C-alpha atoms as a PDB file:
ATOM      1  CA  UNK A   1      -2.161  77.511-113.989  1.00  0.00           C
ATOM      2  CA  UNK A   2       0.803  76.312-115.992  1.00  0.00           C
ATOM      3  CA  UNK A   3       4.096  75.359-114.393  1.00  0.00           C
ATOM      4  CA  UNK A   4       7.322  77.009-115.519  1.00  0.00           C
ATOM      5  CA  UNK A   5       8.646  73.708-116.889  1.00  0.00           C
ATOM      6  CA  UNK A   6       5.444  73.198-118.909  1.00  0.00           C
ATOM      7  CA  UNK A   7       5.678  76.737-120.268  1.00  0.00           C
ATOM      8  CA  UNK A   8       9.336  76.188-121.224  1.00  0.00           C
ATOM      9  CA  UNK A   9       8.456  72.925-122.992  1.00  0.00           C
ATOM     10  CA  UNK A  10       5.593  74.567-124.880  1.00  0.00           C
ATOM     11  CA  UNK A  11       7.811  77.492-125.876  1.00  0.00           C
ATOM     12  CA  UNK A  12      10.620  75.187-127.029  1.00  0.00           C
ATOM     13  CA  UNK A  13       8.213  73.196-129.226  1.00  0.00           C
ATOM     14  CA  UNK A  14       6.837  76.441-130.657  1.00  0.00           C
ATOM     15  CA  UNK A  15      10.345  77.662-131.523  1.00  0.00           C
ATOM     16  CA  UNK A  16      11.048  74.458-133.453  1.00  0.00           C
ATOM     17  CA  UNK A  17       7.994  75.176-135.570  1.00  0.00           C
ATOM     18  CA  UNK A  18       8.819  78.806-136.337  1.00  0.00           C
ATOM     19  CA  UNK A  19      10.957  78.325-139.474  1.00  0.00           C
ATOM     20  CA  UNK A  20       8.706  75.675-141.060  1.00  0.00           C
ATOM     21  CA  UNK A  21       5.685  77.706-140.018  1.00  0.00           C
ATOM     22  CA  UNK A  22       6.996  80.866-141.631  1.00  0.00           C
ATOM     23  CA  UNK A  23       7.620  78.958-144.847  1.00  0.00           C
ATOM     24  CA  UNK A  24       4.070  77.602-144.781  1.00  0.00           C
ATOM     25  CA  UNK A  25       2.811  81.156-144.245  1.00  0.00           C
ATOM     26  CA  UNK A  26       4.978  82.556-147.031  1.00  0.00           C
ATOM     27  CA  UNK A  27       3.673  79.926-149.449  1.00  0.00           C
ATOM     28  CA  UNK A  28       0.060  80.710-148.516  1.00  0.00           C
ATOM     29  CA  UNK A  29       0.656  84.450-148.878  1.00  0.00           C
ATOM     30  CA  UNK A  30       2.548  83.973-152.158  1.00  0.00           C
ATOM     31  CA  UNK A  31      -0.422  82.095-153.598  1.00  0.00           C
ATOM     32  CA  UNK A  32      -2.773  84.925-152.586  1.00  0.00           C
ATOM     33  CA  UNK A  33      -0.581  87.585-154.215  1.00  0.00           C
ATOM     34  CA  UNK A  34      -0.049  85.472-157.348  1.00  0.00           C
ATOM     35  CA  UNK A  35      -3.767  84.902-157.850  1.00  0.00           C
ATOM     36  CA  UNK A  36      -4.619  88.553-157.219  1.00  0.00           C
ATOM     37  CA  UNK A  37      -1.930  89.779-159.650  1.00  0.00           C
ATOM     38  CA  UNK A  38      -3.204  87.385-162.314  1.00  0.00           C
ATOM     39  CA  UNK A  39      -6.762  88.625-161.783  1.00  0.00           C
ATOM     40  CA  UNK A  40      -5.676  92.191-162.605  1.00  0.00           C
ATOM     41  CA  UNK A  41      -4.484  91.256-166.094  1.00  0.00           C
ATOM     42  CA  UNK A  42      -7.192  92.280-168.539  1.00  0.00           C
ATOM     43  CA  UNK A  43      -9.143  94.255-165.923  1.00  0.00           C
ATOM     44  CA  UNK A  44      -9.381  98.035-165.796  1.00  0.00           C
ATOM     45  CA  UNK A  45      -8.414  99.516-162.428  1.00  0.00           C
ATOM     46  CA  UNK A  46      -9.183 103.055-161.274  1.00  0.00           C
ATOM     47  CA  UNK A  47      -5.628 103.652-160.050  1.00  0.00           C
ATOM     48  CA  UNK A  48      -4.123 102.804-163.449  1.00  0.00           C
ATOM     49  CA  UNK A  49      -3.822 105.251-166.318  1.00  0.00           C
ATOM     50  CA  UNK A  50      -6.254 104.599-169.169  1.00  0.00           C
ATOM     51  CA  UNK A  51      -4.933 102.923-172.305  1.00  0.00           C
ATOM     52  CA  UNK A  52      -3.713 105.281-174.992  1.00  0.00           C
ATOM     53  CA  UNK A  53      -5.970 105.583-178.012  1.00  0.00           C
ATOM     54  CA  UNK A  54      -3.131 104.224-180.184  1.00  0.00           C
ATOM     55  CA  UNK A  55      -2.917 101.124-177.960  1.00  0.00           C
ATOM     56  CA  UNK A  56      -6.652 100.534-178.245  1.00  0.00           C
ATOM     57  CA  UNK A  57      -6.490 100.927-182.038  1.00  0.00           C
ATOM     58  CA  UNK A  58      -3.578  98.485-182.273  1.00  0.00           C
ATOM     59  CA  UNK A  59      -5.341  95.915-180.071  1.00  0.00           C
ATOM     60  CA  UNK A  60      -8.505  96.201-182.175  1.00  0.00           C
ATOM     61  CA  UNK A  61      -6.556  95.876-185.432  1.00  0.00           C
ATOM     62  CA  UNK A  62      -4.778  92.755-184.145  1.00  0.00           C
ATOM     63  CA  UNK A  63      -8.000  91.191-182.844  1.00  0.00           C
ATOM     64  CA  UNK A  64      -7.235  91.397-179.117  1.00  0.00           C
ATOM     65  CA  UNK A  65      -9.814  92.165-176.441  1.00  0.00           C
ATOM     66  CA  UNK A  66     -10.342  95.885-175.814  1.00  0.00           C
ATOM     67  CA  UNK A  67      -9.634  97.603-173.522  1.00  0.00           C
ATOM     68  CA  UNK A  68      -8.360  94.627-171.431  1.00  0.00           C
ATOM     69  CA  UNK A  69      -5.227  96.356-170.068  1.00  0.00           C
ATOM     70  CA  UNK A  70      -2.086  94.195-169.980  1.00  0.00           C
ATOM     71  CA  UNK A  71      -3.826  91.348-171.801  1.00  0.00           C
ATOM     72  CA  UNK A  72      -3.110  90.111-175.283  1.00  0.00           C
ATOM     73  CA  UNK A  73      -2.348  86.389-175.414  1.00  0.00           C
ATOM     74  CA  UNK A  74      -2.440  85.627-171.689  1.00  0.00           C
ATOM     75  CA  UNK A  75       1.199  84.494-171.688  1.00  0.00           C
ATOM     76  CA  UNK A  76       2.311  87.234-169.272  1.00  0.00           C
ATOM     77  CA  UNK A  77      -0.586  86.525-166.917  1.00  0.00           C
ATOM     78  CA  UNK A  78       0.147  82.806-166.990  1.00  0.00           C
ATOM     79  CA  UNK A  79       3.832  83.433-166.263  1.00  0.00           C
ATOM     80  CA  UNK A  80       3.153  85.075-162.895  1.00  0.00           C
ATOM     81  CA  UNK A  81       4.179  82.788-160.052  1.00  0.00           C
ATOM     82  CA  UNK A  82       5.450  82.837-156.510  1.00  0.00           C
ATOM     83  CA  UNK A  83       8.485  81.101-155.078  1.00  0.00           C
ATOM     84  CA  UNK A  84       9.542  80.621-151.467  1.00  0.00           C
ATOM     85  CA  UNK A  85      13.183  80.376-150.443  1.00  0.00           C
ATOM     86  CA  UNK A  86      13.025  78.319-147.228  1.00  0.00           C
ATOM     87  CA  UNK A  87      16.649  78.998-146.345  1.00  0.00           C
ATOM     88  CA  UNK A  88      16.241  82.780-146.508  1.00  0.00           C
ATOM     89  CA  UNK A  89      12.584  82.894-145.378  1.00  0.00           C
ATOM     90  CA  UNK A  90      11.734  84.928-148.476  1.00  0.00           C
ATOM     91  CA  UNK A  91       8.805  84.922-150.848  1.00  0.00           C
ATOM     92  CA  UNK A  92       8.968  86.375-154.351  1.00  0.00           C
ATOM     93  CA  UNK A  93       6.067  86.946-156.721  1.00  0.00           C
ATOM     94  CA  UNK A  94       6.870  87.869-160.279  1.00  0.00           C
ATOM     95  CA  UNK A  95       7.270  86.856-163.879  1.00  0.00           C
ATOM     96  CA  UNK A  96      10.210  85.841-166.011  1.00  0.00           C
ATOM     97  CA  UNK A  97       8.578  87.636-168.961  1.00  0.00           C
ATOM     98  CA  UNK A  98      10.497  90.831-169.752  1.00  0.00           C
ATOM     99  CA  UNK A  99       7.273  92.573-170.796  1.00  0.00           C
ATOM    100  CA  UNK A 100       5.993  92.137-167.219  1.00  0.00           C
ATOM    101  CA  UNK A 101       8.846  94.359-166.039  1.00  0.00           C
ATOM    102  CA  UNK A 102       7.962  97.012-168.624  1.00  0.00           C
ATOM    103  CA  UNK A 103       4.313  96.870-167.559  1.00  0.00           C
ATOM    104  CA  UNK A 104       5.133  97.023-163.851  1.00  0.00           C
ATOM    105  CA  UNK A 105       7.481 100.016-163.965  1.00  0.00           C
ATOM    106  CA  UNK A 106       6.438 101.664-167.237  1.00  0.00           C
ATOM    107  CA  UNK A 107       8.579 103.001-170.053  1.00  0.00           C
ATOM    108  CA  UNK A 108       9.322 106.404-171.526  1.00  0.00           C
ATOM    109  CA  UNK A 109       6.233 106.035-173.738  1.00  0.00           C
ATOM    110  CA  UNK A 110       3.957 104.163-171.321  1.00  0.00           C
ATOM    111  CA  UNK A 111       2.897 104.926-167.739  1.00  0.00           C
ATOM    112  CA  UNK A 112       2.940 101.889-165.458  1.00  0.00           C
ATOM    113  CA  UNK A 113      -0.094  99.866-164.439  1.00  0.00           C
ATOM    114  CA  UNK A 114       1.694  98.171-161.493  1.00  0.00           C
ATOM    115  CA  UNK A 115      -0.168  94.880-161.181  1.00  0.00           C
ATOM    116  CA  UNK A 116       2.391  93.139-158.915  1.00  0.00           C
ATOM    117  CA  UNK A 117       2.846  96.019-156.455  1.00  0.00           C
ATOM    118  CA  UNK A 118      -0.896  96.579-156.376  1.00  0.00           C
ATOM    119  CA  UNK A 119      -1.532  92.897-155.626  1.00  0.00           C
ATOM    120  CA  UNK A 120       1.092  92.894-152.870  1.00  0.00           C
ATOM    121  CA  UNK A 121      -0.314  96.060-151.306  1.00  0.00           C
ATOM    122  CA  UNK A 122      -3.956  94.981-151.485  1.00  0.00           C
ATOM    123  CA  UNK A 123      -3.208  91.551-150.020  1.00  0.00           C
ATOM    124  CA  UNK A 124      -1.530  92.885-146.857  1.00  0.00           C
ATOM    125  CA  UNK A 125      -4.648  92.193-144.741  1.00  0.00           C
ATOM    126  CA  UNK A 126      -4.473  88.551-145.854  1.00  0.00           C
ATOM    127  CA  UNK A 127      -0.792  88.437-144.823  1.00  0.00           C
ATOM    128  CA  UNK A 128      -1.743  89.772-141.401  1.00  0.00           C
ATOM    129  CA  UNK A 129      -4.352  87.047-141.054  1.00  0.00           C
ATOM    130  CA  UNK A 130      -2.051  84.256-142.303  1.00  0.00           C
ATOM    131  CA  UNK A 131       0.831  85.200-140.032  1.00  0.00           C
ATOM    132  CA  UNK A 132      -1.432  86.108-137.105  1.00  0.00           C
ATOM    133  CA  UNK A 133      -3.083  82.679-137.293  1.00  0.00           C
ATOM    134  CA  UNK A 134       0.368  81.128-137.609  1.00  0.00           C
ATOM    135  CA  UNK A 135       1.546  82.866-134.426  1.00  0.00           C
ATOM    136  CA  UNK A 136      -1.501  81.709-132.506  1.00  0.00           C
ATOM    137  CA  UNK A 137      -1.062  78.156-133.765  1.00  0.00           C
ATOM    138  CA  UNK A 138       2.634  78.106-132.850  1.00  0.00           C
ATOM    139  CA  UNK A 139       2.033  79.400-129.353  1.00  0.00           C
ATOM    140  CA  UNK A 140      -1.022  77.316-128.632  1.00  0.00           C
ATOM    141  CA  UNK A 141      -0.035  73.973-130.120  1.00  0.00           C
ATOM    142  CA  UNK A 142       3.737  74.194-130.482  1.00  0.00           C
ATOM    143  CA  UNK A 143       3.641  73.059-134.113  1.00  0.00           C
ATOM    144  CA  UNK A 144       2.213  74.094-137.451  1.00  0.00           C
ATOM    145  CA  UNK A 145       0.170  71.856-139.710  1.00  0.00           C
ATOM    146  CA  UNK A 146       1.598  71.749-143.224  1.00  0.00           C
END
């Protein structure tokens, strides 16, 4: 049995670890989403529209891998990264490459193969595990290992 004062002390220590713990969790989750999004570049996915014949012909003519959706030089894939804003408790995964935006949302001439949204959606179970483990650690030990 735990005394009220002991419970209050444990709870107070856990609260002090919440913000740093969330940031640790966001960084871990960001890394998962980043790696998954990068793994989609150059890989055909059932939920994506097939490449247009004209795109395949252009890629072949220019010497790029075919079909390898979204992949030409690898620059867009390599530009994908996550960032955590510790003050706002936010995590962002994306790319500063403008062509990543076109790929993610599509254009008038091209349907989207949403690699970032797909990675975020498919990694939700990992987020549940990361933040579930974090909650258990905070409540059981009162601090989070960084």
